[in-house]
Amino acid sequence: MDTGAYAASGAGVLLKGMIHAAGPYEIPNVYVRARAVYTNHPVEDRCEAGVPQAAFAHESQMDVLAQALKMDPFEIRLKNGLKPGSITATGQRLDESVGFDETIQKVREEISRRGVPVSYARRDTAGNRVLCK
């Protein structure tokens, strides 16, 4: 992560990104490594402190895995999603309701009913989609 020339938020953004790197999935053998690099670039907007970037990465990875395994993208998520009794990547045991399966099922129903949603991401000057302000 390019943290610019300042130490004010880089470590916190990096830490939150690492905590959320595995997403809402049970991965028994996970290792997360990240680096913050000080540069002469300006500080970038924190954009919810690394969590959206981590979510984009792990959800994109799930889509790639589903395609490679010829699985339905919803099914691979349901198969690997956190459930009561799961252990998170940070070692926390989830003893209560997680709500992951119910959420995925609701999303699946809505997409079946309404179709795939249109992206509301804006494009920056280089034409890249930007979800943050």
N, C-alpha and C. Protein backbone atom coordinates (compact mmCIF):
# COMPACT_ATOMS: atom_id res chain seq x y z
N MET A 1 0.84 -1.17 0.00
CA MET A 1 0.00 0.00 0.00
C MET A 1 0.89 1.24 0.00
N ASP A 2 0.59 2.16 -0.88
CA ASP A 2 1.32 3.43 -0.94
C ASP A 2 0.66 4.38 0.05
N THR A 3 1.36 4.68 1.14
CA THR A 3 0.80 5.53 2.19
C THR A 3 1.23 6.98 2.06
N GLY A 4 1.88 7.31 0.94
CA GLY A 4 2.34 8.68 0.78
C GLY A 4 3.52 8.96 1.70
N ALA A 5 3.74 10.21 2.00
CA ALA A 5 4.89 10.60 2.82
C ALA A 5 4.55 10.71 4.30
N TYR A 6 3.33 10.33 4.69
CA TYR A 6 2.90 10.55 6.06
C TYR A 6 2.55 9.23 6.77
N ALA A 7 2.78 9.17 8.05
CA ALA A 7 2.52 7.97 8.84
C ALA A 7 1.17 8.01 9.54
N ALA A 8 0.40 9.05 9.35
CA ALA A 8 -0.82 9.25 10.13
C ALA A 8 -1.82 8.12 9.98
N SER A 9 -2.07 7.63 8.79
CA SER A 9 -3.14 6.63 8.63
C SER A 9 -2.68 5.34 7.99
N GLY A 10 -1.50 5.30 7.44
CA GLY A 10 -1.05 4.11 6.70
C GLY A 10 -1.12 2.82 7.48
N ALA A 11 -0.60 2.82 8.70
CA ALA A 11 -0.58 1.59 9.51
C ALA A 11 -2.00 1.13 9.85
N GLY A 12 -2.88 2.06 10.19
CA GLY A 12 -4.26 1.69 10.52
C GLY A 12 -5.01 1.13 9.33
N VAL A 13 -4.84 1.74 8.16
CA VAL A 13 -5.49 1.26 6.94
C VAL A 13 -4.97 -0.13 6.61
N LEU A 14 -3.68 -0.32 6.71
CA LEU A 14 -3.07 -1.61 6.42
C LEU A 14 -3.58 -2.68 7.39
N LEU A 15 -3.64 -2.37 8.66
CA LEU A 15 -4.11 -3.32 9.66
C LEU A 15 -5.55 -3.74 9.39
N LYS A 16 -6.42 -2.78 9.13
CA LYS A 16 -7.82 -3.12 8.85
C LYS A 16 -7.95 -3.95 7.58
N GLY A 17 -7.16 -3.64 6.57
CA GLY A 17 -7.17 -4.43 5.35
C GLY A 17 -6.75 -5.87 5.61
N MET A 18 -5.74 -6.05 6.47
CA MET A 18 -5.27 -7.40 6.80
C MET A 18 -6.32 -8.17 7.60
N ILE A 19 -6.96 -7.51 8.55
CA ILE A 19 -7.98 -8.16 9.37
C ILE A 19 -9.12 -8.69 8.50
N HIS A 20 -9.47 -7.92 7.48
CA HIS A 20 -10.60 -8.28 6.62
C HIS A 20 -10.20 -9.02 5.34
N ALA A 21 -8.94 -9.36 5.20
CA ALA A 21 -8.45 -9.96 3.96
C ALA A 21 -9.13 -11.27 3.59
N ALA A 22 -9.45 -12.10 4.56
CA ALA A 22 -10.09 -13.38 4.26
C ALA A 22 -11.60 -13.24 4.07
N GLY A 23 -12.12 -12.09 4.39
CA GLY A 23 -13.55 -11.85 4.20
C GLY A 23 -14.41 -12.71 5.11
N PRO A 24 -15.65 -12.93 4.70
CA PRO A 24 -16.57 -13.71 5.53
C PRO A 24 -16.47 -15.21 5.24
N TYR A 25 -15.26 -15.69 5.02
CA TYR A 25 -15.05 -17.08 4.63
C TYR A 25 -14.16 -17.80 5.63
N GLU A 26 -14.47 -19.07 5.84
CA GLU A 26 -13.67 -19.89 6.74
C GLU A 26 -12.52 -20.49 5.93
N ILE A 27 -11.32 -20.05 6.24
CA ILE A 27 -10.12 -20.51 5.55
C ILE A 27 -9.17 -21.04 6.63
N PRO A 28 -9.06 -22.37 6.75
CA PRO A 28 -8.28 -22.93 7.85
C PRO A 28 -6.79 -22.60 7.79
N ASN A 29 -6.23 -22.45 6.62
CA ASN A 29 -4.80 -22.18 6.48
C ASN A 29 -4.61 -20.87 5.74
N VAL A 30 -4.65 -19.78 6.50
CA VAL A 30 -4.53 -18.46 5.88
C VAL A 30 -3.32 -17.73 6.46
N TYR A 31 -2.63 -17.05 5.59
CA TYR A 31 -1.49 -16.23 5.99
C TYR A 31 -1.61 -14.92 5.23
N VAL A 32 -1.66 -13.81 5.94
CA VAL A 32 -1.80 -12.50 5.31
C VAL A 32 -0.54 -11.69 5.59
N ARG A 33 0.00 -11.13 4.55
CA ARG A 33 1.19 -10.28 4.68
C ARG A 33 0.92 -9.00 3.89
N ALA A 34 1.25 -7.88 4.48
CA ALA A 34 1.03 -6.60 3.81
C ALA A 34 2.17 -5.65 4.16
N ARG A 35 2.37 -4.69 3.30
CA ARG A 35 3.41 -3.68 3.52
C ARG A 35 2.87 -2.29 3.21
N ALA A 36 3.29 -1.35 4.02
CA ALA A 36 3.02 0.06 3.73
C ALA A 36 4.35 0.67 3.31
N VAL A 37 4.31 1.43 2.27
CA VAL A 37 5.52 2.02 1.72
C VAL A 37 5.37 3.54 1.72
N TYR A 38 6.35 4.23 2.32
CA TYR A 38 6.35 5.68 2.30
C TYR A 38 6.96 6.15 0.99
N THR A 39 6.28 7.06 0.33
CA THR A 39 6.73 7.57 -0.97
C THR A 39 6.61 9.09 -0.98
N ASN A 40 6.91 9.66 -2.11
CA ASN A 40 6.74 11.11 -2.25
C ASN A 40 5.38 11.44 -2.89
N HIS A 41 4.47 10.47 -2.91
CA HIS A 41 3.13 10.70 -3.44
C HIS A 41 2.27 11.37 -2.38
N PRO A 42 1.21 12.06 -2.80
CA PRO A 42 0.31 12.67 -1.82
C PRO A 42 -0.49 11.58 -1.09
N VAL A 43 -0.97 11.92 0.08
CA VAL A 43 -1.81 10.99 0.83
C VAL A 43 -3.10 10.78 0.06
N GLU A 44 -3.53 9.52 -0.04
CA GLU A 44 -4.79 9.23 -0.72
C GLU A 44 -5.91 9.18 0.29
N ASP A 45 -7.12 9.35 -0.19
CA ASP A 45 -8.29 9.25 0.66
C ASP A 45 -8.33 7.87 1.30
N ARG A 46 -8.63 7.80 2.58
CA ARG A 46 -8.60 6.53 3.30
C ARG A 46 -9.67 5.57 2.84
N CYS A 47 -10.75 6.06 2.30
CA CYS A 47 -11.78 5.20 1.70
C CYS A 47 -12.18 4.05 2.62
N GLU A 48 -12.68 4.38 3.78
CA GLU A 48 -13.14 3.39 4.75
C GLU A 48 -12.03 2.46 5.23
N ALA A 49 -10.83 2.95 5.24
CA ALA A 49 -9.70 2.30 5.91
C ALA A 49 -9.36 0.89 5.45
N GLY A 50 -9.28 0.65 4.15
CA GLY A 50 -8.77 -0.61 3.64
C GLY A 50 -9.76 -1.74 3.53
N VAL A 51 -10.92 -1.62 4.15
CA VAL A 51 -11.88 -2.72 4.13
C VAL A 51 -12.52 -2.90 2.75
N PRO A 52 -12.96 -1.84 2.04
CA PRO A 52 -13.52 -2.07 0.70
C PRO A 52 -12.51 -2.69 -0.26
N GLN A 53 -11.24 -2.29 -0.14
CA GLN A 53 -10.22 -2.86 -1.01
C GLN A 53 -10.06 -4.35 -0.74
N ALA A 54 -10.05 -4.74 0.53
CA ALA A 54 -9.94 -6.16 0.89
C ALA A 54 -11.18 -6.92 0.41
N ALA A 55 -12.36 -6.33 0.57
CA ALA A 55 -13.59 -6.99 0.13
C ALA A 55 -13.59 -7.19 -1.38
N PHE A 56 -13.16 -6.17 -2.12
CA PHE A 56 -13.08 -6.31 -3.57
C PHE A 56 -12.16 -7.47 -3.94
N ALA A 57 -11.02 -7.57 -3.26
CA ALA A 57 -10.05 -8.62 -3.55
C ALA A 57 -10.61 -10.00 -3.23
N HIS A 58 -11.17 -10.20 -2.03
CA HIS A 58 -11.63 -11.56 -1.71
C HIS A 58 -12.87 -11.95 -2.48
N GLU A 59 -13.75 -11.02 -2.79
CA GLU A 59 -14.94 -11.38 -3.58
C GLU A 59 -14.56 -11.64 -5.05
N SER A 60 -13.61 -10.89 -5.57
CA SER A 60 -13.12 -11.17 -6.94
C SER A 60 -12.48 -12.55 -6.98
N GLN A 61 -11.72 -12.88 -5.94
CA GLN A 61 -11.09 -14.20 -5.86
C GLN A 61 -12.14 -15.31 -5.83
N MET A 62 -13.22 -15.10 -5.11
CA MET A 62 -14.28 -16.11 -5.06
C MET A 62 -14.90 -16.32 -6.44
N ASP A 63 -15.07 -15.23 -7.19
CA ASP A 63 -15.60 -15.36 -8.55
C ASP A 63 -14.65 -16.14 -9.46
N VAL A 64 -13.35 -15.86 -9.35
CA VAL A 64 -12.34 -16.57 -10.15
C VAL A 64 -12.34 -18.06 -9.78
N LEU A 65 -12.38 -18.35 -8.48
CA LEU A 65 -12.41 -19.75 -8.03
C LEU A 65 -13.67 -20.47 -8.52
N ALA A 66 -14.81 -19.82 -8.42
CA ALA A 66 -16.06 -20.43 -8.88
C ALA A 66 -15.98 -20.76 -10.36
N GLN A 67 -15.45 -19.83 -11.14
CA GLN A 67 -15.32 -20.07 -12.58
C GLN A 67 -14.36 -21.22 -12.86
N ALA A 68 -13.21 -21.25 -12.17
CA ALA A 68 -12.22 -22.32 -12.38
C ALA A 68 -12.78 -23.69 -11.99
N LEU A 69 -13.60 -23.71 -10.94
CA LEU A 69 -14.17 -24.97 -10.45
C LEU A 69 -15.50 -25.30 -11.10
N LYS A 70 -15.95 -24.43 -12.01
CA LYS A 70 -17.24 -24.57 -12.68
C LYS A 70 -18.38 -24.70 -11.66
N MET A 71 -18.30 -23.81 -10.66
CA MET A 71 -19.32 -23.76 -9.61
C MET A 71 -20.13 -22.48 -9.74
N ASP A 72 -21.34 -22.53 -9.24
CA ASP A 72 -22.17 -21.34 -9.15
C ASP A 72 -21.51 -20.39 -8.14
N PRO A 73 -21.38 -19.10 -8.48
CA PRO A 73 -20.74 -18.15 -7.56
C PRO A 73 -21.42 -18.08 -6.19
N PHE A 74 -22.72 -18.28 -6.13
CA PHE A 74 -23.41 -18.28 -4.85
C PHE A 74 -23.07 -19.55 -4.06
N GLU A 75 -23.01 -20.69 -4.75
CA GLU A 75 -22.74 -21.95 -4.06
C GLU A 75 -21.35 -21.99 -3.44
N ILE A 76 -20.34 -21.47 -4.13
CA ILE A 76 -19.00 -21.47 -3.55
C ILE A 76 -18.96 -20.59 -2.30
N ARG A 77 -19.71 -19.51 -2.33
CA ARG A 77 -19.76 -18.63 -1.16
C ARG A 77 -20.48 -19.32 0.00
N LEU A 78 -21.60 -19.98 -0.29
CA LEU A 78 -22.34 -20.69 0.75
C LEU A 78 -21.52 -21.83 1.34
N LYS A 79 -20.77 -22.52 0.51
CA LYS A 79 -19.96 -23.64 0.97
C LYS A 79 -18.83 -23.19 1.89
N ASN A 80 -18.26 -22.02 1.64
CA ASN A 80 -17.09 -21.55 2.38
C ASN A 80 -17.37 -20.43 3.36
N GLY A 81 -18.60 -19.96 3.42
CA GLY A 81 -18.93 -18.83 4.29
C GLY A 81 -18.90 -19.17 5.77
N LEU A 82 -18.71 -18.14 6.58
CA LEU A 82 -18.69 -18.31 8.03
C LEU A 82 -20.08 -18.72 8.54
N LYS A 83 -20.07 -19.66 9.50
CA LYS A 83 -21.29 -20.17 10.12
C LYS A 83 -21.06 -20.22 11.63
N PRO A 84 -22.11 -20.40 12.42
CA PRO A 84 -21.87 -20.58 13.85
C PRO A 84 -20.91 -21.76 14.07
N GLY A 85 -19.89 -21.53 14.88
CA GLY A 85 -18.86 -22.55 15.11
C GLY A 85 -17.61 -22.34 14.27
N SER A 86 -17.68 -21.48 13.26
CA SER A 86 -16.52 -21.21 12.41
C SER A 86 -15.45 -20.46 13.18
N ILE A 87 -14.22 -20.62 12.72
CA ILE A 87 -13.08 -19.87 13.25
C ILE A 87 -12.66 -18.88 12.16
N THR A 88 -12.58 -17.60 12.51
CA THR A 88 -12.18 -16.58 11.54
C THR A 88 -10.67 -16.63 11.30
N ALA A 89 -10.21 -15.90 10.30
CA ALA A 89 -8.78 -15.84 9.99
C ALA A 89 -7.97 -15.25 11.13
N THR A 90 -8.62 -14.47 12.00
CA THR A 90 -7.91 -13.89 13.14
C THR A 90 -8.02 -14.75 14.39
N GLY A 91 -8.65 -15.94 14.26
CA GLY A 91 -8.73 -16.88 15.37
C GLY A 91 -9.95 -16.76 16.26
N GLN A 92 -10.90 -15.92 15.90
CA GLN A 92 -12.11 -15.75 16.70
C GLN A 92 -13.11 -16.85 16.37
N ARG A 93 -13.64 -17.50 17.40
CA ARG A 93 -14.68 -18.52 17.20
C ARG A 93 -16.04 -17.82 17.21
N LEU A 94 -16.85 -18.10 16.21
CA LEU A 94 -18.18 -17.49 16.11
C LEU A 94 -19.21 -18.44 16.71
N ASP A 95 -19.65 -18.15 17.91
CA ASP A 95 -20.59 -19.02 18.61
C ASP A 95 -22.05 -18.65 18.39
N GLU A 96 -22.30 -17.46 17.92
CA GLU A 96 -23.67 -16.99 17.74
C GLU A 96 -24.03 -17.00 16.26
N SER A 97 -25.21 -16.52 15.97
CA SER A 97 -25.67 -16.42 14.59
C SER A 97 -24.73 -15.54 13.77
N VAL A 98 -24.45 -15.95 12.56
CA VAL A 98 -23.55 -15.20 11.69
C VAL A 98 -24.35 -14.45 10.63
N GLY A 99 -25.39 -15.04 10.09
CA GLY A 99 -26.24 -14.38 9.10
C GLY A 99 -25.72 -14.41 7.68
N PHE A 100 -24.59 -15.05 7.45
CA PHE A 100 -23.99 -15.06 6.11
C PHE A 100 -24.88 -15.79 5.10
N ASP A 101 -25.29 -17.03 5.42
CA ASP A 101 -26.09 -17.81 4.48
C ASP A 101 -27.39 -17.09 4.12
N GLU A 102 -28.04 -16.52 5.14
CA GLU A 102 -29.30 -15.81 4.90
C GLU A 102 -29.08 -14.61 3.98
N THR A 103 -27.98 -13.90 4.19
CA THR A 103 -27.68 -12.73 3.36
C THR A 103 -27.44 -13.14 1.91
N ILE A 104 -26.64 -14.18 1.71
CA ILE A 104 -26.35 -14.65 0.34
C ILE A 104 -27.63 -15.12 -0.34
N GLN A 105 -28.49 -15.82 0.39
CA GLN A 105 -29.76 -16.28 -0.19
C GLN A 105 -30.65 -15.11 -0.59
N LYS A 106 -30.70 -14.06 0.25
CA LYS A 106 -31.51 -12.87 -0.08
C LYS A 106 -30.96 -12.17 -1.32
N VAL A 107 -29.64 -12.05 -1.41
CA VAL A 107 -29.02 -11.43 -2.59
C VAL A 107 -29.35 -12.26 -3.83
N ARG A 108 -29.24 -13.57 -3.72
CA ARG A 108 -29.54 -14.45 -4.85
C ARG A 108 -30.99 -14.26 -5.30
N GLU A 109 -31.92 -14.19 -4.35
CA GLU A 109 -33.34 -13.99 -4.68
C GLU A 109 -33.56 -12.65 -5.38
N GLU A 110 -32.94 -11.60 -4.86
CA GLU A 110 -33.11 -10.27 -5.45
C GLU A 110 -32.54 -10.21 -6.86
N ILE A 111 -31.38 -10.82 -7.07
CA ILE A 111 -30.80 -10.82 -8.42
C ILE A 111 -31.67 -11.63 -9.36
N SER A 112 -32.25 -12.73 -8.89
CA SER A 112 -33.17 -13.52 -9.72
C SER A 112 -34.40 -12.70 -10.08
N ARG A 113 -34.86 -11.91 -9.13
CA ARG A 113 -36.08 -11.12 -9.33
C ARG A 113 -35.83 -9.88 -10.17
N ARG A 114 -34.73 -9.16 -9.90
CA ARG A 114 -34.50 -7.86 -10.51
C ARG A 114 -33.41 -7.84 -11.58
N GLY A 115 -32.57 -8.84 -11.61
CA GLY A 115 -31.42 -8.84 -12.51
C GLY A 115 -30.19 -8.29 -11.81
N VAL A 116 -29.07 -8.35 -12.47
CA VAL A 116 -27.81 -7.88 -11.91
C VAL A 116 -27.86 -6.36 -11.80
N PRO A 117 -27.51 -5.81 -10.63
CA PRO A 117 -27.60 -4.35 -10.45
C PRO A 117 -26.59 -3.59 -11.31
N VAL A 118 -26.95 -2.39 -11.63
CA VAL A 118 -26.07 -1.49 -12.38
C VAL A 118 -25.07 -0.90 -11.39
N SER A 119 -23.83 -0.77 -11.81
CA SER A 119 -22.80 -0.20 -10.94
C SER A 119 -22.99 1.31 -10.84
N TYR A 120 -22.87 1.82 -9.63
CA TYR A 120 -22.95 3.25 -9.40
C TYR A 120 -21.58 3.87 -9.19
N ALA A 121 -20.54 3.08 -9.46
CA ALA A 121 -19.17 3.59 -9.31
C ALA A 121 -18.93 4.68 -10.36
N ARG A 122 -18.24 5.72 -9.94
CA ARG A 122 -17.87 6.75 -10.90
C ARG A 122 -16.52 6.38 -11.51
N ARG A 123 -16.15 7.04 -12.57
CA ARG A 123 -14.85 6.78 -13.19
C ARG A 123 -13.93 7.97 -12.92
N ASP A 124 -12.66 7.66 -12.65
CA ASP A 124 -11.69 8.74 -12.46
C ASP A 124 -11.18 9.21 -13.82
N THR A 125 -10.23 10.12 -13.84
CA THR A 125 -9.74 10.69 -15.10
C THR A 125 -9.07 9.66 -16.00
N ALA A 126 -8.59 8.55 -15.43
CA ALA A 126 -7.96 7.50 -16.22
C ALA A 126 -8.98 6.46 -16.69
N GLY A 127 -10.25 6.62 -16.31
CA GLY A 127 -11.28 5.69 -16.73
C GLY A 127 -11.48 4.52 -15.79
N ASN A 128 -10.81 4.52 -14.64
CA ASN A 128 -10.97 3.45 -13.65
C ASN A 128 -12.22 3.69 -12.82
N ARG A 129 -12.88 2.62 -12.43
CA ARG A 129 -14.05 2.74 -11.56
C ARG A 129 -13.59 3.07 -10.15
N VAL A 130 -14.24 4.03 -9.52
CA VAL A 130 -13.87 4.49 -8.18
C VAL A 130 -15.13 4.44 -7.33
N LEU A 131 -15.09 3.66 -6.23
CA LEU A 131 -16.25 3.53 -5.37
C LEU A 131 -16.25 4.53 -4.23
N CYS A 132 -15.11 5.15 -3.97
CA CYS A 132 -15.00 6.10 -2.87
C CYS A 132 -15.05 7.52 -3.39
N LYS A 133 -15.27 8.46 -2.46
CA LYS A 133 -15.31 9.87 -2.84
C LYS A 133 -13.93 10.37 -3.21
